[in-house]
Amino acid sequence: MPAPRTVLLTGAAGGLGTLMRSLLPEYGYALRLFDARPVEGEPDAITADLADREAVREAVRGVDAILHLAGISLEAPFEKILRSNIEGTYHLYEAARREGVPRVVFASSNHAVGFTPAPRAGEPPIPVDTPRRPDTFYGLSKSFGEDLAQFYWDKHGLETVSVRIGSCFPEPTSVRMLSIWMSPADGARLFHAALTAEQVGHTVVYGSSANTRLWWDLTSARALGYEPRDDSEPYAGKLIAEHGEPDPENPAHTLLGGHFVTDPPIWPY
């Protein structure tokens, strides 16, 4: 599809949203910003909750595509996850359908498959069609989002690329992250590819850089035109010296979801 001109960026005040606010305009996008919290330095941003159906519909009206990063990004009681990540994502898709927005890029997560064993040395990478095994209510909501995206494609012809994001930070901060890290620059490259690739239907991809220690298969992401340029390996020596090698008896080290499996971080709001 032609490069979208105006993209609704939900979750614009969050960590990943803040990174993309500075990087995606370089690809020619005009971003319409949306978040439940005010977006610092952006007086024109829309401050509204995904529970507000009218505000969501007004936000999507006239945009060429949506990059949906909003929602709770850690574990929380199911009732909070339900309202924000499940019902909120439904409201966004329904608004997109009603307003004729042709494509959504949905921030899924590795936690949708968090109980999947990480590949050991010599084993093949994890494919995108591995059975979903969410590790938290948060991961469960991302599984729902992928199914919702499939439904809206099959039922209504609304295209989605669901990106199972690893960890997108300026640099990796743990040994586990060496295998799932996505540099901010590669994140922008992947989102740009997901916004512009032709005929994606509903495509699921893993979101990471081309890491030497990569755990999952980037074939479907590369098929969109994504060419990662970064690798976490330059950070490996320092992180291993600080934290040690992974413990093969610790499920936080051997399962894809990491410490979300054993002691998930809790959403503070």
C-alpha atoms as a PDB file:
ATOM      1  CA  MET A   1       0.000   0.000   0.000  1.00  0.00           C
ATOM      2  CA  PRO A   2       1.203   3.604  -0.512  1.00  0.00           C
ATOM      3  CA  ALA A   3       3.014   5.108   2.440  1.00  0.00           C
ATOM      4  CA  PRO A   4       0.390   6.459   4.863  1.00  0.00           C
ATOM      5  CA  ARG A   5       0.597  10.182   5.410  1.00  0.00           C
ATOM      6  CA  THR A   6      -1.270  10.564   8.692  1.00  0.00           C
ATOM      7  CA  VAL A   7      -0.875   7.871  11.339  1.00  0.00           C
ATOM      8  CA  LEU A   8      -2.711   7.785  14.661  1.00  0.00           C
ATOM      9  CA  LEU A   9      -0.171   6.884  17.338  1.00  0.00           C
ATOM     10  CA  THR A  10      -1.900   5.599  20.470  1.00  0.00           C
ATOM     11  CA  GLY A  11       0.109   5.367  23.657  1.00  0.00           C
ATOM     12  CA  ALA A  12       2.084   8.396  22.537  1.00  0.00           C
ATOM     13  CA  ALA A  13       3.141   9.325  26.095  1.00  0.00           C
ATOM     14  CA  GLY A  14       4.579   5.881  26.868  1.00  0.00           C
ATOM     15  CA  GLY A  15       8.167   4.745  26.565  1.00  0.00           C
ATOM     16  CA  LEU A  16       7.862   3.187  23.116  1.00  0.00           C
ATOM     17  CA  GLY A  17       5.472   5.876  21.941  1.00  0.00           C
ATOM     18  CA  THR A  18       7.949   8.571  22.954  1.00  0.00           C
ATOM     19  CA  LEU A  19      10.691   6.870  20.951  1.00  0.00           C
ATOM     20  CA  MET A  20       8.479   6.565  17.878  1.00  0.00           C
ATOM     21  CA  ARG A  21       7.316  10.182  18.125  1.00  0.00           C
ATOM     22  CA  SER A  22      10.874  11.264  17.366  1.00  0.00           C
ATOM     23  CA  LEU A  23      11.760   8.553  14.824  1.00  0.00           C
ATOM     24  CA  LEU A  24       8.728   7.969  12.596  1.00  0.00           C
ATOM     25  CA  PRO A  25       8.431  11.520  11.210  1.00  0.00           C
ATOM     26  CA  GLU A  26      11.771  10.866   9.483  1.00  0.00           C
ATOM     27  CA  TYR A  27       9.848   8.418   7.272  1.00  0.00           C
ATOM     28  CA  GLY A  28       7.413  11.122   6.216  1.00  0.00           C
ATOM     29  CA  TYR A  29       4.558  10.498   8.632  1.00  0.00           C
ATOM     30  CA  ALA A  30       2.380  13.119  10.206  1.00  0.00           C
ATOM     31  CA  LEU A  31       1.511  11.697  13.622  1.00  0.00           C
ATOM     32  CA  ARG A  32      -1.777  12.270  15.396  1.00  0.00           C
ATOM     33  CA  LEU A  33      -1.014  11.610  19.051  1.00  0.00           C
ATOM     34  CA  PHE A  34      -3.383   9.907  21.501  1.00  0.00           C
ATOM     35  CA  ASP A  35      -2.903   8.896  25.120  1.00  0.00           C
ATOM     36  CA  ALA A  36      -4.849   8.695  28.371  1.00  0.00           C
ATOM     37  CA  ARG A  37      -2.173  10.941  29.871  1.00  0.00           C
ATOM     38  CA  PRO A  38      -1.043  14.326  28.517  1.00  0.00           C
ATOM     39  CA  VAL A  39       1.822  14.049  26.038  1.00  0.00           C
ATOM     40  CA  GLU A  40       4.573  16.321  27.286  1.00  0.00           C
ATOM     41  CA  GLY A  41       5.472  19.057  24.843  1.00  0.00           C
ATOM     42  CA  GLU A  42       2.613  18.161  22.477  1.00  0.00           C
ATOM     43  CA  PRO A  43      -0.306  20.543  23.099  1.00  0.00           C
ATOM     44  CA  ASP A  44      -2.258  19.191  20.112  1.00  0.00           C
ATOM     45  CA  ALA A  45      -2.202  15.587  21.347  1.00  0.00           C
ATOM     46  CA  ILE A  46      -5.556  13.995  22.128  1.00  0.00           C
ATOM     47  CA  THR A  47      -5.930  13.166  25.816  1.00  0.00           C
ATOM     48  CA  ALA A  48      -8.634  10.536  26.153  1.00  0.00           C
ATOM     49  CA  ASP A  49      -9.218   7.001  27.338  1.00  0.00           C
ATOM     50  CA  LEU A  50      -9.802   4.061  25.011  1.00  0.00           C
ATOM     51  CA  ALA A  51     -13.016   3.467  26.964  1.00  0.00           C
ATOM     52  CA  ASP A  52     -14.407   6.689  25.467  1.00  0.00           C
ATOM     53  CA  ARG A  53     -15.842   5.365  22.206  1.00  0.00           C
ATOM     54  CA  GLU A  54     -16.708   8.775  20.788  1.00  0.00           C
ATOM     55  CA  ALA A  55     -13.245  10.164  21.504  1.00  0.00           C
ATOM     56  CA  VAL A  56     -11.642   7.121  19.922  1.00  0.00           C
ATOM     57  CA  ARG A  57     -13.803   7.408  16.823  1.00  0.00           C
ATOM     58  CA  GLU A  58     -12.983  11.097  16.509  1.00  0.00           C
ATOM     59  CA  ALA A  59      -9.280  10.271  16.878  1.00  0.00           C
ATOM     60  CA  VAL A  60      -9.266   7.725  14.043  1.00  0.00           C
ATOM     61  CA  ARG A  61     -11.371   9.831  11.665  1.00  0.00           C
ATOM     62  CA  GLY A  62      -9.403  10.725   8.568  1.00  0.00           C
ATOM     63  CA  VAL A  63      -6.163   8.903   9.366  1.00  0.00           C
ATOM     64  CA  ASP A  64      -4.455   6.604   6.881  1.00  0.00           C
ATOM     65  CA  ALA A  65      -3.354   4.000   9.439  1.00  0.00           C
ATOM     66  CA  ILE A  66      -3.054   3.364  13.171  1.00  0.00           C
ATOM     67  CA  LEU A  67      -0.024   2.364  15.213  1.00  0.00           C
ATOM     68  CA  HIS A  68      -1.625   0.994  18.374  1.00  0.00           C
ATOM     69  CA  LEU A  69       0.831   1.096  21.272  1.00  0.00           C
ATOM     70  CA  ALA A  70      -1.628   2.125  23.999  1.00  0.00           C
ATOM     71  CA  GLY A  71      -2.612   0.005  26.970  1.00  0.00           C
ATOM     72  CA  ILE A  72      -1.212  -1.559  30.093  1.00  0.00           C
ATOM     73  CA  SER A  73       2.259  -2.914  29.327  1.00  0.00           C
ATOM     74  CA  LEU A  74       2.898  -4.895  32.524  1.00  0.00           C
ATOM     75  CA  GLU A  75       0.835  -7.306  34.614  1.00  0.00           C
ATOM     76  CA  ALA A  76      -2.275  -5.996  36.372  1.00  0.00           C
ATOM     77  CA  PRO A  77      -5.511  -7.337  37.836  1.00  0.00           C
ATOM     78  CA  PHE A  78      -7.686  -8.848  35.136  1.00  0.00           C
ATOM     79  CA  GLU A  79     -10.327  -6.139  35.509  1.00  0.00           C
ATOM     80  CA  LYS A  80      -7.797  -3.447  34.579  1.00  0.00           C
ATOM     81  CA  ILE A  81      -6.405  -5.492  31.693  1.00  0.00           C
ATOM     82  CA  LEU A  82      -9.947  -6.136  30.480  1.00  0.00           C
ATOM     83  CA  ARG A  83     -10.855  -2.462  30.390  1.00  0.00           C
ATOM     84  CA  SER A  84      -7.657  -1.139  28.863  1.00  0.00           C
ATOM     85  CA  ASN A  85      -6.164  -3.838  26.663  1.00  0.00           C
ATOM     86  CA  ILE A  86      -9.166  -5.932  25.672  1.00  0.00           C
ATOM     87  CA  GLU A  87     -12.167  -3.600  25.581  1.00  0.00           C
ATOM     88  CA  GLY A  88      -9.986  -0.636  24.606  1.00  0.00           C
ATOM     89  CA  THR A  89      -8.482  -2.485  21.645  1.00  0.00           C
ATOM     90  CA  TYR A  90     -11.956  -3.561  20.555  1.00  0.00           C
ATOM     91  CA  HIS A  91     -13.135   0.066  20.668  1.00  0.00           C
ATOM     92  CA  LEU A  92     -10.186   1.081  18.501  1.00  0.00           C
ATOM     93  CA  TYR A  93     -10.842  -1.613  15.892  1.00  0.00           C
ATOM     94  CA  GLU A  94     -14.537  -0.870  15.773  1.00  0.00           C
ATOM     95  CA  ALA A  95     -13.824   2.836  15.295  1.00  0.00           C
ATOM     96  CA  ALA A  96     -11.316   2.002  12.549  1.00  0.00           C
ATOM     97  CA  ARG A  97     -13.906  -0.170  10.812  1.00  0.00           C
ATOM     98  CA  ARG A  98     -16.579   2.499  11.002  1.00  0.00           C
ATOM     99  CA  GLU A  99     -14.247   5.215   9.725  1.00  0.00           C
ATOM    100  CA  GLY A 100     -12.736   3.109   6.942  1.00  0.00           C
ATOM    101  CA  VAL A 101      -9.155   3.077   8.217  1.00  0.00           C
ATOM    102  CA  PRO A 102      -7.467   0.343   6.154  1.00  0.00           C
ATOM    103  CA  ARG A 103      -4.637  -0.783   8.430  1.00  0.00           C
ATOM    104  CA  VAL A 104      -3.625  -1.165  12.053  1.00  0.00           C
ATOM    105  CA  VAL A 105      -0.170  -2.040  13.347  1.00  0.00           C
ATOM    106  CA  PHE A 106      -0.841  -3.692  16.683  1.00  0.00           C
ATOM    107  CA  ALA A 107       1.727  -3.852  19.473  1.00  0.00           C
ATOM    108  CA  SER A 108       1.491  -7.469  20.498  1.00  0.00           C
ATOM    109  CA  SER A 109       4.173  -8.950  22.745  1.00  0.00           C
ATOM    110  CA  ASN A 110       6.501 -11.860  23.300  1.00  0.00           C
ATOM    111  CA  HIS A 111       4.391 -12.443  26.427  1.00  0.00           C
ATOM    112  CA  ALA A 112       1.640 -13.868  24.212  1.00  0.00           C
ATOM    113  CA  VAL A 113       3.955 -16.877  23.908  1.00  0.00           C
ATOM    114  CA  GLY A 114       5.787 -16.386  27.213  1.00  0.00           C
ATOM    115  CA  PHE A 115       5.599 -19.988  28.419  1.00  0.00           C
ATOM    116  CA  THR A 116       7.329 -21.183  25.241  1.00  0.00           C
ATOM    117  CA  PRO A 117      10.783 -22.616  26.013  1.00  0.00           C
ATOM    118  CA  ALA A 118      13.597 -20.490  24.658  1.00  0.00           C
ATOM    119  CA  PRO A 119      15.669 -22.340  22.052  1.00  0.00           C
ATOM    120  CA  ARG A 120      18.913 -23.819  23.267  1.00  0.00           C
ATOM    121  CA  ALA A 121      22.152 -23.716  21.308  1.00  0.00           C
ATOM    122  CA  GLY A 122      21.730 -25.486  17.986  1.00  0.00           C
ATOM    123  CA  GLU A 123      17.907 -25.486  18.112  1.00  0.00           C
ATOM    124  CA  PRO A 124      15.906 -23.613  15.453  1.00  0.00           C
ATOM    125  CA  PRO A 125      14.402 -20.228  16.278  1.00  0.00           C
ATOM    126  CA  ILE A 126      10.803 -19.977  17.494  1.00  0.00           C
ATOM    127  CA  PRO A 127       8.381 -19.603  14.549  1.00  0.00           C
ATOM    128  CA  VAL A 128       5.481 -17.154  14.540  1.00  0.00           C
ATOM    129  CA  ASP A 129       3.001 -20.026  14.312  1.00  0.00           C
ATOM    130  CA  THR A 130       4.125 -21.555  17.592  1.00  0.00           C
ATOM    131  CA  PRO A 131       1.089 -22.125  19.854  1.00  0.00           C
ATOM    132  CA  ARG A 132       0.312 -19.098  21.969  1.00  0.00           C
ATOM    133  CA  ARG A 133       1.142 -19.630  25.634  1.00  0.00           C
ATOM    134  CA  PRO A 134       0.543 -16.331  27.465  1.00  0.00           C
ATOM    135  CA  ASP A 135       2.433 -15.861  30.699  1.00  0.00           C
ATOM    136  CA  THR A 136       0.201 -13.226  32.367  1.00  0.00           C
ATOM    137  CA  PHE A 137      -3.168 -11.527  32.012  1.00  0.00           C
ATOM    138  CA  TYR A 138      -1.144  -8.969  30.041  1.00  0.00           C
ATOM    139  CA  GLY A 139       0.077 -11.675  27.659  1.00  0.00           C
ATOM    140  CA  LEU A 140      -3.456 -13.044  27.451  1.00  0.00           C
ATOM    141  CA  SER A 141      -4.680  -9.621  26.318  1.00  0.00           C
ATOM    142  CA  LYS A 142      -2.099  -9.630  23.530  1.00  0.00           C
ATOM    143  CA  SER A 143      -3.314 -13.054  22.411  1.00  0.00           C
ATOM    144  CA  PHE A 144      -6.817 -11.589  22.311  1.00  0.00           C
ATOM    145  CA  GLY A 145      -5.553  -8.646  20.264  1.00  0.00           C
ATOM    146  CA  GLU A 146      -4.056 -10.975  17.676  1.00  0.00           C
ATOM    147  CA  ASP A 147      -7.338 -12.891  17.431  1.00  0.00           C
ATOM    148  CA  LEU A 148      -9.296  -9.643  17.205  1.00  0.00           C
ATOM    149  CA  ALA A 149      -7.038  -8.522  14.366  1.00  0.00           C
ATOM    150  CA  GLN A 150      -7.606 -11.807  12.539  1.00  0.00           C
ATOM    151  CA  PHE A 151     -11.377 -11.472  12.998  1.00  0.00           C
ATOM    152  CA  TYR A 152     -11.470  -7.914  11.662  1.00  0.00           C
ATOM    153  CA  TRP A 153      -9.458  -9.000   8.628  1.00  0.00           C
ATOM    154  CA  ASP A 154     -11.625 -12.047   7.908  1.00  0.00           C
ATOM    155  CA  LYS A 155     -14.929 -10.298   8.650  1.00  0.00           C
ATOM    156  CA  HIS A 156     -14.312  -6.717   7.559  1.00  0.00           C
ATOM    157  CA  GLY A 157     -11.127  -6.634   5.448  1.00  0.00           C
ATOM    158  CA  LEU A 158      -9.269  -4.447   7.945  1.00  0.00           C
ATOM    159  CA  GLU A 159      -5.571  -5.294   7.675  1.00  0.00           C
ATOM    160  CA  THR A 160      -3.235  -5.674  10.654  1.00  0.00           C
ATOM    161  CA  VAL A 161       0.389  -6.440  11.301  1.00  0.00           C
ATOM    162  CA  SER A 162       0.662  -7.787  14.856  1.00  0.00           C
ATOM    163  CA  VAL A 163       4.196  -7.171  16.125  1.00  0.00           C
ATOM    164  CA  ARG A 164       5.283  -9.381  19.023  1.00  0.00           C
ATOM    165  CA  ILE A 165       7.658  -6.839  20.475  1.00  0.00           C
ATOM    166  CA  GLY A 166      10.599  -8.016  22.505  1.00  0.00           C
ATOM    167  CA  SER A 167      12.214  -5.138  24.438  1.00  0.00           C
ATOM    168  CA  CYS A 168      12.657  -1.794  22.705  1.00  0.00           C
ATOM    169  CA  PHE A 169      15.113   0.332  24.652  1.00  0.00           C
ATOM    170  CA  PRO A 170      18.170   2.364  23.662  1.00  0.00           C
ATOM    171  CA  GLU A 171      20.272  -0.592  24.825  1.00  0.00           C
ATOM    172  CA  PRO A 172      19.586  -4.000  26.416  1.00  0.00           C
ATOM    173  CA  THR A 173      19.601  -4.089  30.206  1.00  0.00           C
ATOM    174  CA  SER A 174      19.678  -7.839  30.948  1.00  0.00           C
ATOM    175  CA  VAL A 175      21.221 -11.028  29.583  1.00  0.00           C
ATOM    176  CA  ARG A 176      17.773 -12.233  28.469  1.00  0.00           C
ATOM    177  CA  MET A 177      17.267  -9.019  26.545  1.00  0.00           C
ATOM    178  CA  LEU A 178      20.283  -9.841  24.376  1.00  0.00           C
ATOM    179  CA  SER A 179      18.008 -12.356  22.615  1.00  0.00           C
ATOM    180  CA  ILE A 180      14.889 -10.186  22.167  1.00  0.00           C
ATOM    181  CA  TRP A 181      16.203  -6.605  22.012  1.00  0.00           C
ATOM    182  CA  MET A 182      14.914  -4.246  19.350  1.00  0.00           C
ATOM    183  CA  SER A 183      16.818  -1.008  18.976  1.00  0.00           C
ATOM    184  CA  PRO A 184      14.626   2.076  18.630  1.00  0.00           C
ATOM    185  CA  ALA A 185      15.957   2.629  15.104  1.00  0.00           C
ATOM    186  CA  ASP A 186      15.067  -0.931  14.124  1.00  0.00           C
ATOM    187  CA  GLY A 187      11.679  -0.471  15.789  1.00  0.00           C
ATOM    188  CA  ALA A 188      10.973   2.483  13.511  1.00  0.00           C
ATOM    189  CA  ARG A 189      12.162   0.456  10.500  1.00  0.00           C
ATOM    190  CA  LEU A 190       9.841  -2.401  11.409  1.00  0.00           C
ATOM    191  CA  PHE A 191       6.812  -0.193  12.050  1.00  0.00           C
ATOM    192  CA  HIS A 192       7.443   1.635   8.762  1.00  0.00           C
ATOM    193  CA  ALA A 193       7.582  -1.701   6.922  1.00  0.00           C
ATOM    194  CA  ALA A 194       4.390  -2.836   8.659  1.00  0.00           C
ATOM    195  CA  LEU A 195       2.617   0.383   7.680  1.00  0.00           C
ATOM    196  CA  THR A 196       3.625   0.247   4.018  1.00  0.00           C
ATOM    197  CA  ALA A 197       3.897  -3.405   2.931  1.00  0.00           C
ATOM    198  CA  GLU A 198       1.398  -4.592   0.339  1.00  0.00           C
ATOM    199  CA  GLN A 199      -1.447  -6.987   1.108  1.00  0.00           C
ATOM    200  CA  VAL A 200      -0.609  -8.040   4.652  1.00  0.00           C
ATOM    201  CA  GLY A 201      -4.063  -9.382   5.592  1.00  0.00           C
ATOM    202  CA  HIS A 202      -3.325 -10.280   9.179  1.00  0.00           C
ATOM    203  CA  THR A 203       0.392 -10.931   9.541  1.00  0.00           C
ATOM    204  CA  VAL A 204       2.132 -11.795  12.805  1.00  0.00           C
ATOM    205  CA  VAL A 205       5.806 -10.897  13.140  1.00  0.00           C
ATOM    206  CA  TYR A 206       8.392 -10.860  15.900  1.00  0.00           C
ATOM    207  CA  GLY A 207       9.876  -7.476  16.688  1.00  0.00           C
ATOM    208  CA  SER A 208      13.586  -7.398  17.379  1.00  0.00           C
ATOM    209  CA  SER A 209      16.929  -6.475  15.934  1.00  0.00           C
ATOM    210  CA  ALA A 210      19.183  -8.953  14.123  1.00  0.00           C
ATOM    211  CA  ASN A 211      20.701 -10.167  17.373  1.00  0.00           C
ATOM    212  CA  THR A 212      23.451 -12.771  17.388  1.00  0.00           C
ATOM    213  CA  ARG A 213      21.589 -14.557  20.224  1.00  0.00           C
ATOM    214  CA  LEU A 214      18.157 -14.174  18.597  1.00  0.00           C
ATOM    215  CA  TRP A 215      15.487 -16.564  19.903  1.00  0.00           C
ATOM    216  CA  TRP A 216      12.820 -16.190  17.230  1.00  0.00           C
ATOM    217  CA  ASP A 217      12.321 -16.264  13.492  1.00  0.00           C
ATOM    218  CA  LEU A 218      12.222 -12.899  11.719  1.00  0.00           C
ATOM    219  CA  THR A 219      11.196 -14.341   8.342  1.00  0.00           C
ATOM    220  CA  SER A 220       7.686 -12.876   8.350  1.00  0.00           C
ATOM    221  CA  ALA A 221       9.041  -9.485   9.431  1.00  0.00           C
ATOM    222  CA  ARG A 222      11.649  -9.508   6.665  1.00  0.00           C
ATOM    223  CA  ALA A 223       8.908 -10.417   4.166  1.00  0.00           C
ATOM    224  CA  LEU A 224       7.338  -7.024   4.903  1.00  0.00           C
ATOM    225  CA  GLY A 225      10.557  -5.334   3.789  1.00  0.00           C
ATOM    226  CA  TYR A 226      12.073  -5.018   7.263  1.00  0.00           C
ATOM    227  CA  GLU A 227      15.869  -5.021   7.293  1.00  0.00           C
ATOM    228  CA  PRO A 228      17.204  -4.800  10.865  1.00  0.00           C
ATOM    229  CA  ARG A 229      20.605  -3.187  11.172  1.00  0.00           C
ATOM    230  CA  ASP A 230      21.441  -3.529  14.845  1.00  0.00           C
ATOM    231  CA  ASP A 231      22.665  -6.353  17.091  1.00  0.00           C
ATOM    232  CA  SER A 232      22.737  -6.612  20.886  1.00  0.00           C
ATOM    233  CA  GLU A 233      26.058  -8.460  20.910  1.00  0.00           C
ATOM    234  CA  PRO A 234      28.250  -5.408  21.647  1.00  0.00           C
ATOM    235  CA  TYR A 235      26.485  -5.211  25.037  1.00  0.00           C
ATOM    236  CA  ALA A 236      26.880  -8.918  25.862  1.00  0.00           C
ATOM    237  CA  GLY A 237      30.224  -8.863  27.639  1.00  0.00           C
ATOM    238  CA  LYS A 238      29.237  -6.146  30.078  1.00  0.00           C
ATOM    239  CA  LEU A 239      25.829  -7.657  30.872  1.00  0.00           C
ATOM    240  CA  ILE A 240      27.170 -11.185  31.395  1.00  0.00           C
ATOM    241  CA  ALA A 241      29.935  -9.833  33.629  1.00  0.00           C
ATOM    242  CA  GLU A 242      27.327  -8.013  35.732  1.00  0.00           C
ATOM    243  CA  HIS A 243      24.582 -10.651  35.841  1.00  0.00           C
ATOM    244  CA  GLY A 244      26.227 -13.971  35.001  1.00  0.00           C
ATOM    245  CA  GLU A 245      25.223 -16.592  32.462  1.00  0.00           C
ATOM    246  CA  PRO A 246      21.569 -17.770  32.401  1.00  0.00           C
ATOM    247  CA  ASP A 247      20.670 -20.474  34.934  1.00  0.00           C
ATOM    248  CA  PRO A 248      19.266 -23.543  33.099  1.00  0.00           C
ATOM    249  CA  GLU A 249      17.208 -24.408  36.198  1.00  0.00           C
ATOM    250  CA  ASN A 250      15.509 -21.015  36.417  1.00  0.00           C
ATOM    251  CA  PRO A 251      12.337 -20.701  34.312  1.00  0.00           C
ATOM    252  CA  ALA A 252      12.845 -16.947  34.201  1.00  0.00           C
ATOM    253  CA  HIS A 253      15.955 -17.728  32.143  1.00  0.00           C
ATOM    254  CA  THR A 254      14.690 -20.658  30.083  1.00  0.00           C
ATOM    255  CA  LEU A 255      11.198 -19.534  29.057  1.00  0.00           C
ATOM    256  CA  LEU A 256      10.551 -16.842  26.502  1.00  0.00           C
ATOM    257  CA  GLY A 257       8.597 -14.629  28.925  1.00  0.00           C
ATOM    258  CA  GLY A 258      11.476 -14.318  31.380  1.00  0.00           C
ATOM    259  CA  HIS A 259      10.573 -13.020  34.825  1.00  0.00           C
ATOM    260  CA  PHE A 260       6.985 -12.379  33.679  1.00  0.00           C
ATOM    261  CA  VAL A 261       6.598 -16.138  34.142  1.00  0.00           C
ATOM    262  CA  THR A 262       7.869 -16.188  37.733  1.00  0.00           C
ATOM    263  CA  ASP A 263       7.500 -12.679  39.178  1.00  0.00           C
ATOM    264  CA  PRO A 264       5.812 -10.311  36.729  1.00  0.00           C
ATOM    265  CA  PRO A 265       6.254  -6.570  37.175  1.00  0.00           C
ATOM    266  CA  ILE A 266       3.000  -4.901  38.190  1.00  0.00           C
ATOM    267  CA  TRP A 267       1.455  -1.901  36.449  1.00  0.00           C
ATOM    268  CA  PRO A 268       1.782   1.002  38.913  1.00  0.00           C
ATOM    269  CA  TYR A 269      -1.258   3.049  37.920  1.00  0.00           C
END
